[in-house]
N, C-alpha and C. Protein backbone atom coordinates (compact mmCIF):
# COMPACT_ATOMS: atom_id res chain seq x y z
N MET A 1 15.79 -3.83 28.99
CA MET A 1 15.39 -5.16 28.58
C MET A 1 15.86 -6.12 29.66
N THR A 2 15.01 -7.00 30.11
CA THR A 2 15.39 -7.90 31.19
C THR A 2 15.89 -9.23 30.68
N GLY A 3 15.65 -9.57 29.43
CA GLY A 3 16.09 -10.84 28.87
C GLY A 3 17.58 -10.84 28.62
N ALA A 4 18.16 -12.01 28.58
CA ALA A 4 19.58 -12.13 28.31
C ALA A 4 19.85 -11.81 26.85
N PRO A 5 20.94 -11.06 26.57
CA PRO A 5 21.27 -10.77 25.17
C PRO A 5 21.72 -12.03 24.46
N LEU A 6 21.61 -12.01 23.15
CA LEU A 6 22.10 -13.13 22.36
C LEU A 6 23.61 -13.18 22.46
N PRO A 7 24.23 -14.35 22.30
CA PRO A 7 25.68 -14.44 22.36
C PRO A 7 26.31 -13.48 21.34
N GLY A 8 27.27 -12.70 21.79
CA GLY A 8 27.96 -11.77 20.92
C GLY A 8 27.23 -10.46 20.72
N GLU A 9 26.01 -10.35 21.26
CA GLU A 9 25.24 -9.11 21.11
C GLU A 9 25.72 -8.11 22.14
N PRO A 10 26.07 -6.88 21.70
CA PRO A 10 26.54 -5.89 22.67
C PRO A 10 25.40 -5.47 23.59
N VAL A 11 25.72 -5.21 24.82
CA VAL A 11 24.73 -4.74 25.77
C VAL A 11 24.94 -3.24 25.92
N ILE A 12 23.96 -2.48 25.49
CA ILE A 12 24.03 -1.03 25.54
C ILE A 12 22.95 -0.54 26.50
N PRO A 13 23.35 0.19 27.55
CA PRO A 13 22.33 0.72 28.47
C PRO A 13 21.34 1.61 27.71
N PRO A 14 20.05 1.58 28.07
CA PRO A 14 19.04 2.35 27.34
C PRO A 14 19.39 3.83 27.20
N GLU A 15 19.94 4.44 28.25
CA GLU A 15 20.25 5.87 28.16
C GLU A 15 21.36 6.13 27.13
N ASP A 16 22.32 5.20 27.00
CA ASP A 16 23.37 5.34 25.98
C ASP A 16 22.79 5.11 24.58
N LEU A 17 21.88 4.16 24.47
CA LEU A 17 21.27 3.86 23.18
C LEU A 17 20.49 5.07 22.66
N GLN A 18 19.70 5.69 23.53
CA GLN A 18 18.93 6.86 23.11
C GLN A 18 19.87 8.00 22.72
N ALA A 19 20.97 8.17 23.44
CA ALA A 19 21.94 9.21 23.10
C ALA A 19 22.55 8.94 21.73
N ARG A 20 22.83 7.66 21.43
CA ARG A 20 23.38 7.30 20.11
C ARG A 20 22.37 7.57 19.00
N ILE A 21 21.11 7.25 19.26
CA ILE A 21 20.05 7.50 18.27
C ILE A 21 19.92 9.00 18.04
N ASP A 22 19.90 9.79 19.11
CA ASP A 22 19.78 11.24 18.98
C ASP A 22 20.95 11.82 18.20
N ALA A 23 22.17 11.33 18.46
CA ALA A 23 23.36 11.80 17.75
C ALA A 23 23.27 11.44 16.27
N TYR A 24 22.78 10.25 15.96
CA TYR A 24 22.61 9.81 14.58
C TYR A 24 21.64 10.73 13.84
N TYR A 25 20.50 11.02 14.48
CA TYR A 25 19.52 11.90 13.86
C TYR A 25 20.11 13.28 13.61
N ALA A 26 20.82 13.82 14.60
CA ALA A 26 21.42 15.15 14.46
C ALA A 26 22.45 15.17 13.33
N ALA A 27 23.29 14.14 13.25
CA ALA A 27 24.34 14.07 12.23
C ALA A 27 23.75 13.93 10.82
N ASN A 28 22.55 13.36 10.71
CA ASN A 28 21.94 13.13 9.40
C ASN A 28 20.80 14.10 9.10
N GLY A 29 20.64 15.13 9.95
CA GLY A 29 19.63 16.14 9.69
C GLY A 29 18.21 15.64 9.79
N ILE A 30 17.96 14.67 10.65
CA ILE A 30 16.62 14.10 10.81
C ILE A 30 15.93 14.78 11.99
N ASP A 31 14.74 15.31 11.76
CA ASP A 31 13.94 15.89 12.83
C ASP A 31 13.09 14.78 13.43
N PRO A 32 13.38 14.33 14.66
CA PRO A 32 12.63 13.21 15.24
C PRO A 32 11.16 13.51 15.50
N ASN A 33 10.78 14.79 15.45
CA ASN A 33 9.38 15.15 15.67
C ASN A 33 8.60 15.32 14.38
N ASP A 34 9.27 15.14 13.24
CA ASP A 34 8.62 15.26 11.94
C ASP A 34 8.07 13.89 11.53
N PRO A 35 6.74 13.73 11.47
CA PRO A 35 6.18 12.41 11.15
C PRO A 35 6.50 11.95 9.73
N ASN A 36 6.97 12.86 8.87
CA ASN A 36 7.31 12.49 7.50
C ASN A 36 8.81 12.39 7.28
N ALA A 37 9.59 12.45 8.36
CA ALA A 37 11.04 12.37 8.25
C ALA A 37 11.44 11.01 7.70
N THR A 38 12.50 10.99 6.91
CA THR A 38 13.03 9.73 6.40
C THR A 38 14.47 9.59 6.81
N ASP A 39 14.93 8.39 6.84
CA ASP A 39 16.31 8.07 7.21
C ASP A 39 17.12 8.02 5.92
N PRO A 40 17.98 9.02 5.64
CA PRO A 40 18.70 9.03 4.37
C PRO A 40 19.69 7.88 4.23
N VAL A 41 20.17 7.36 5.33
CA VAL A 41 21.12 6.26 5.26
C VAL A 41 20.42 4.97 4.85
N ALA A 42 19.10 4.89 5.08
CA ALA A 42 18.34 3.69 4.72
C ALA A 42 18.10 3.60 3.22
N THR A 43 18.39 4.68 2.48
CA THR A 43 18.22 4.67 1.04
C THR A 43 19.47 4.05 0.42
N SER A 44 19.29 3.07 -0.41
CA SER A 44 20.46 2.44 -1.03
C SER A 44 20.15 2.09 -2.48
N THR A 45 21.20 2.05 -3.27
CA THR A 45 21.09 1.67 -4.67
C THR A 45 22.01 0.48 -4.90
N THR A 46 21.50 -0.54 -5.53
CA THR A 46 22.28 -1.73 -5.83
C THR A 46 22.30 -1.93 -7.33
N GLU A 47 23.48 -2.17 -7.88
CA GLU A 47 23.60 -2.42 -9.32
C GLU A 47 23.92 -3.89 -9.54
N TYR A 48 23.20 -4.48 -10.47
CA TYR A 48 23.40 -5.88 -10.83
C TYR A 48 23.92 -5.94 -12.26
N TYR A 49 24.94 -6.73 -12.48
CA TYR A 49 25.52 -6.85 -13.82
C TYR A 49 25.14 -8.19 -14.43
N VAL A 50 24.64 -8.13 -15.64
CA VAL A 50 24.23 -9.32 -16.37
C VAL A 50 25.12 -9.42 -17.60
N ASP A 51 25.79 -10.53 -17.77
CA ASP A 51 26.66 -10.77 -18.93
C ASP A 51 27.72 -9.69 -19.10
N ASN A 52 28.10 -9.03 -18.02
CA ASN A 52 29.13 -7.99 -18.04
C ASN A 52 28.79 -6.81 -18.94
N THR A 53 27.56 -6.69 -19.39
CA THR A 53 27.21 -5.59 -20.29
C THR A 53 25.99 -4.80 -19.82
N THR A 54 25.05 -5.45 -19.18
CA THR A 54 23.79 -4.80 -18.81
C THR A 54 23.80 -4.49 -17.32
N THR A 55 23.35 -3.30 -16.97
CA THR A 55 23.26 -2.91 -15.57
C THR A 55 21.80 -2.69 -15.21
N THR A 56 21.37 -3.32 -14.16
CA THR A 56 20.03 -3.09 -13.62
C THR A 56 20.21 -2.46 -12.25
N THR A 57 19.54 -1.35 -12.01
CA THR A 57 19.68 -0.65 -10.74
C THR A 57 18.40 -0.78 -9.94
N THR A 58 18.54 -1.15 -8.68
CA THR A 58 17.41 -1.23 -7.77
C THR A 58 17.64 -0.24 -6.66
N THR A 59 16.67 0.63 -6.43
CA THR A 59 16.79 1.62 -5.36
C THR A 59 15.80 1.29 -4.26
N THR A 60 16.31 1.21 -3.04
CA THR A 60 15.47 0.97 -1.88
C THR A 60 15.12 2.33 -1.29
N PRO A 61 13.85 2.67 -1.20
CA PRO A 61 13.49 4.00 -0.70
C PRO A 61 13.84 4.18 0.77
N ALA A 62 14.04 5.43 1.15
CA ALA A 62 14.27 5.74 2.56
C ALA A 62 13.03 5.35 3.35
N ARG A 63 13.25 4.94 4.58
CA ARG A 63 12.13 4.56 5.43
C ARG A 63 11.80 5.71 6.39
N ARG A 64 10.52 5.85 6.66
CA ARG A 64 10.08 6.89 7.60
C ARG A 64 10.59 6.55 9.00
N ILE A 65 10.81 7.59 9.78
CA ILE A 65 11.15 7.44 11.19
C ILE A 65 9.83 7.48 11.95
N VAL A 66 9.55 6.45 12.74
CA VAL A 66 8.28 6.37 13.47
C VAL A 66 8.55 6.06 14.94
N ARG A 67 7.59 6.40 15.77
CA ARG A 67 7.70 6.14 17.21
C ARG A 67 7.30 4.70 17.49
N VAL A 68 8.08 4.02 18.30
CA VAL A 68 7.82 2.62 18.66
C VAL A 68 6.74 2.59 19.74
N PRO A 69 5.66 1.81 19.52
CA PRO A 69 4.63 1.72 20.56
C PRO A 69 5.15 0.95 21.78
N ASN A 70 4.67 1.32 22.94
CA ASN A 70 5.01 0.59 24.16
C ASN A 70 4.07 -0.60 24.26
N VAL A 71 4.62 -1.83 24.21
CA VAL A 71 3.78 -3.02 24.27
C VAL A 71 4.03 -3.85 25.53
N VAL A 72 4.88 -3.36 26.43
CA VAL A 72 5.14 -4.08 27.68
C VAL A 72 3.85 -4.17 28.47
N GLY A 73 3.54 -5.38 28.95
CA GLY A 73 2.32 -5.63 29.72
C GLY A 73 1.18 -6.17 28.87
N GLN A 74 1.35 -6.14 27.55
CA GLN A 74 0.29 -6.63 26.67
C GLN A 74 0.44 -8.12 26.41
N PRO A 75 -0.66 -8.81 26.09
CA PRO A 75 -0.55 -10.20 25.64
C PRO A 75 0.26 -10.24 24.34
N VAL A 76 1.02 -11.29 24.13
CA VAL A 76 1.94 -11.35 23.00
C VAL A 76 1.24 -11.13 21.65
N GLY A 77 0.06 -11.70 21.46
CA GLY A 77 -0.66 -11.53 20.19
C GLY A 77 -1.04 -10.07 19.94
N THR A 78 -1.52 -9.40 20.97
CA THR A 78 -1.89 -7.99 20.86
C THR A 78 -0.65 -7.14 20.59
N ALA A 79 0.43 -7.44 21.32
CA ALA A 79 1.67 -6.68 21.15
C ALA A 79 2.20 -6.82 19.73
N MET A 80 2.22 -8.04 19.21
CA MET A 80 2.73 -8.27 17.86
C MET A 80 1.86 -7.55 16.83
N ALA A 81 0.55 -7.59 17.00
CA ALA A 81 -0.36 -6.91 16.07
C ALA A 81 -0.15 -5.39 16.12
N ASN A 82 0.04 -4.84 17.32
CA ASN A 82 0.25 -3.40 17.46
C ASN A 82 1.56 -2.97 16.82
N LEU A 83 2.62 -3.75 17.01
CA LEU A 83 3.92 -3.41 16.42
C LEU A 83 3.87 -3.51 14.89
N ARG A 84 3.23 -4.55 14.39
CA ARG A 84 3.11 -4.70 12.93
C ARG A 84 2.27 -3.58 12.33
N ALA A 85 1.20 -3.20 13.02
CA ALA A 85 0.35 -2.11 12.53
C ALA A 85 1.12 -0.79 12.48
N ALA A 86 2.11 -0.64 13.35
CA ALA A 86 2.93 0.58 13.37
C ALA A 86 4.05 0.52 12.34
N GLY A 87 4.16 -0.63 11.63
CA GLY A 87 5.15 -0.74 10.55
C GLY A 87 6.44 -1.45 10.92
N PHE A 88 6.45 -2.19 12.02
CA PHE A 88 7.66 -2.88 12.46
C PHE A 88 7.57 -4.39 12.23
N ALA A 89 8.73 -5.00 12.04
CA ALA A 89 8.84 -6.46 12.09
C ALA A 89 9.00 -6.80 13.58
N VAL A 90 8.70 -8.03 13.96
CA VAL A 90 8.75 -8.41 15.37
C VAL A 90 9.53 -9.69 15.54
N SER A 91 10.43 -9.70 16.52
CA SER A 91 11.07 -10.96 16.94
C SER A 91 10.78 -11.11 18.42
N ARG A 92 10.65 -12.34 18.86
CA ARG A 92 10.35 -12.56 20.27
C ARG A 92 11.32 -13.56 20.86
N PHE A 93 11.50 -13.46 22.16
CA PHE A 93 12.38 -14.37 22.88
C PHE A 93 11.77 -14.65 24.25
N ALA A 94 12.18 -15.78 24.83
CA ALA A 94 11.68 -16.16 26.15
C ALA A 94 12.31 -15.25 27.19
N ASP A 95 11.50 -14.75 28.09
CA ASP A 95 11.97 -13.88 29.16
C ASP A 95 11.36 -14.38 30.46
N SER A 96 11.83 -13.86 31.57
CA SER A 96 11.30 -14.29 32.85
C SER A 96 10.70 -13.09 33.57
N GLY A 97 9.86 -13.38 34.54
CA GLY A 97 9.23 -12.32 35.31
C GLY A 97 8.07 -12.88 36.10
N HIS A 98 7.31 -11.99 36.67
CA HIS A 98 6.20 -12.40 37.55
C HIS A 98 4.85 -12.12 36.92
N SER A 99 4.80 -12.06 35.61
CA SER A 99 3.54 -11.83 34.91
C SER A 99 2.99 -13.16 34.40
N ALA A 100 1.77 -13.10 33.87
CA ALA A 100 1.12 -14.30 33.34
C ALA A 100 1.85 -14.78 32.09
N PRO A 101 1.88 -16.09 31.84
CA PRO A 101 2.49 -16.60 30.62
C PRO A 101 1.88 -15.93 29.39
N GLY A 102 2.74 -15.63 28.42
CA GLY A 102 2.28 -14.98 27.20
C GLY A 102 2.24 -13.46 27.28
N THR A 103 2.72 -12.91 28.39
CA THR A 103 2.74 -11.46 28.58
C THR A 103 4.10 -10.90 28.16
N VAL A 104 4.09 -9.77 27.46
CA VAL A 104 5.33 -9.10 27.07
C VAL A 104 5.87 -8.36 28.30
N VAL A 105 7.13 -8.65 28.67
CA VAL A 105 7.74 -8.02 29.85
C VAL A 105 8.92 -7.13 29.49
N SER A 106 9.36 -7.15 28.22
CA SER A 106 10.44 -6.28 27.80
C SER A 106 10.36 -6.07 26.30
N GLN A 107 10.98 -4.99 25.83
CA GLN A 107 11.04 -4.75 24.40
C GLN A 107 12.26 -3.89 24.10
N SER A 108 12.77 -4.06 22.88
CA SER A 108 13.90 -3.26 22.42
C SER A 108 13.75 -3.03 20.92
N PRO A 109 13.74 -1.78 20.45
CA PRO A 109 13.85 -0.56 21.23
C PRO A 109 12.61 -0.33 22.08
N GLY A 110 12.78 0.43 23.13
CA GLY A 110 11.72 0.68 24.08
C GLY A 110 10.58 1.51 23.52
N GLY A 111 9.42 1.40 24.15
CA GLY A 111 8.27 2.19 23.76
C GLY A 111 8.58 3.68 23.84
N GLY A 112 8.15 4.42 22.83
CA GLY A 112 8.40 5.84 22.78
C GLY A 112 9.66 6.21 22.02
N SER A 113 10.53 5.22 21.76
CA SER A 113 11.75 5.48 20.98
C SER A 113 11.39 5.71 19.53
N LEU A 114 12.33 6.25 18.78
CA LEU A 114 12.15 6.45 17.35
C LEU A 114 12.98 5.42 16.60
N ALA A 115 12.41 4.86 15.54
CA ALA A 115 13.11 3.85 14.75
C ALA A 115 12.63 3.92 13.31
N SER A 116 13.41 3.36 12.41
CA SER A 116 13.03 3.32 11.00
C SER A 116 11.89 2.34 10.80
N GLU A 117 10.88 2.77 10.06
CA GLU A 117 9.76 1.90 9.72
C GLU A 117 10.32 0.66 9.04
N GLY A 118 9.82 -0.50 9.42
CA GLY A 118 10.29 -1.76 8.84
C GLY A 118 11.40 -2.40 9.64
N SER A 119 11.95 -1.68 10.62
CA SER A 119 12.99 -2.29 11.44
C SER A 119 12.34 -3.26 12.43
N THR A 120 13.17 -4.01 13.13
CA THR A 120 12.66 -5.06 14.02
C THR A 120 12.62 -4.60 15.46
N VAL A 121 11.51 -4.89 16.12
CA VAL A 121 11.38 -4.68 17.56
C VAL A 121 11.38 -6.07 18.19
N SER A 122 12.28 -6.26 19.17
CA SER A 122 12.36 -7.54 19.89
C SER A 122 11.54 -7.44 21.16
N ILE A 123 10.74 -8.46 21.42
CA ILE A 123 9.93 -8.49 22.62
C ILE A 123 10.26 -9.71 23.45
N GLY A 124 10.34 -9.52 24.76
CA GLY A 124 10.55 -10.61 25.70
C GLY A 124 9.22 -11.05 26.24
N VAL A 125 8.93 -12.33 26.14
CA VAL A 125 7.61 -12.87 26.50
C VAL A 125 7.77 -13.94 27.57
N ILE A 126 6.94 -13.87 28.60
CA ILE A 126 6.96 -14.90 29.64
C ILE A 126 6.62 -16.25 29.00
N GLY A 127 7.50 -17.20 29.15
CA GLY A 127 7.29 -18.53 28.58
C GLY A 127 7.61 -18.60 27.10
N GLY A 128 8.15 -17.56 26.53
CA GLY A 128 8.55 -17.57 25.11
C GLY A 128 7.45 -17.22 24.22
């Protein structure tokens, strides 16, 4: 990613990040090549107490692990549509480079990486 990280955001080299993701998948028994794989840690149950007597339980289902599309070089509108179609939320930030304004020049996680469906992909766009 060529954009500056947010204040307080750790900077993790891409090769270290992929190693961390691979270790996470191995530790949780996730096959990154299985298109129906789910992230067991993403499954959560929350209990709400009403009047100290009633319990309502809400379970958030596990999210599928999907491959992140590579959107670097695409116009921002196309990139956002492609990421959303793949099941991701999108955040964007101003980045610099030698491409035309409105062009995506960086993304995190990178194209080809694996991530939980519904997670956020950040894109760096020339001119914001």
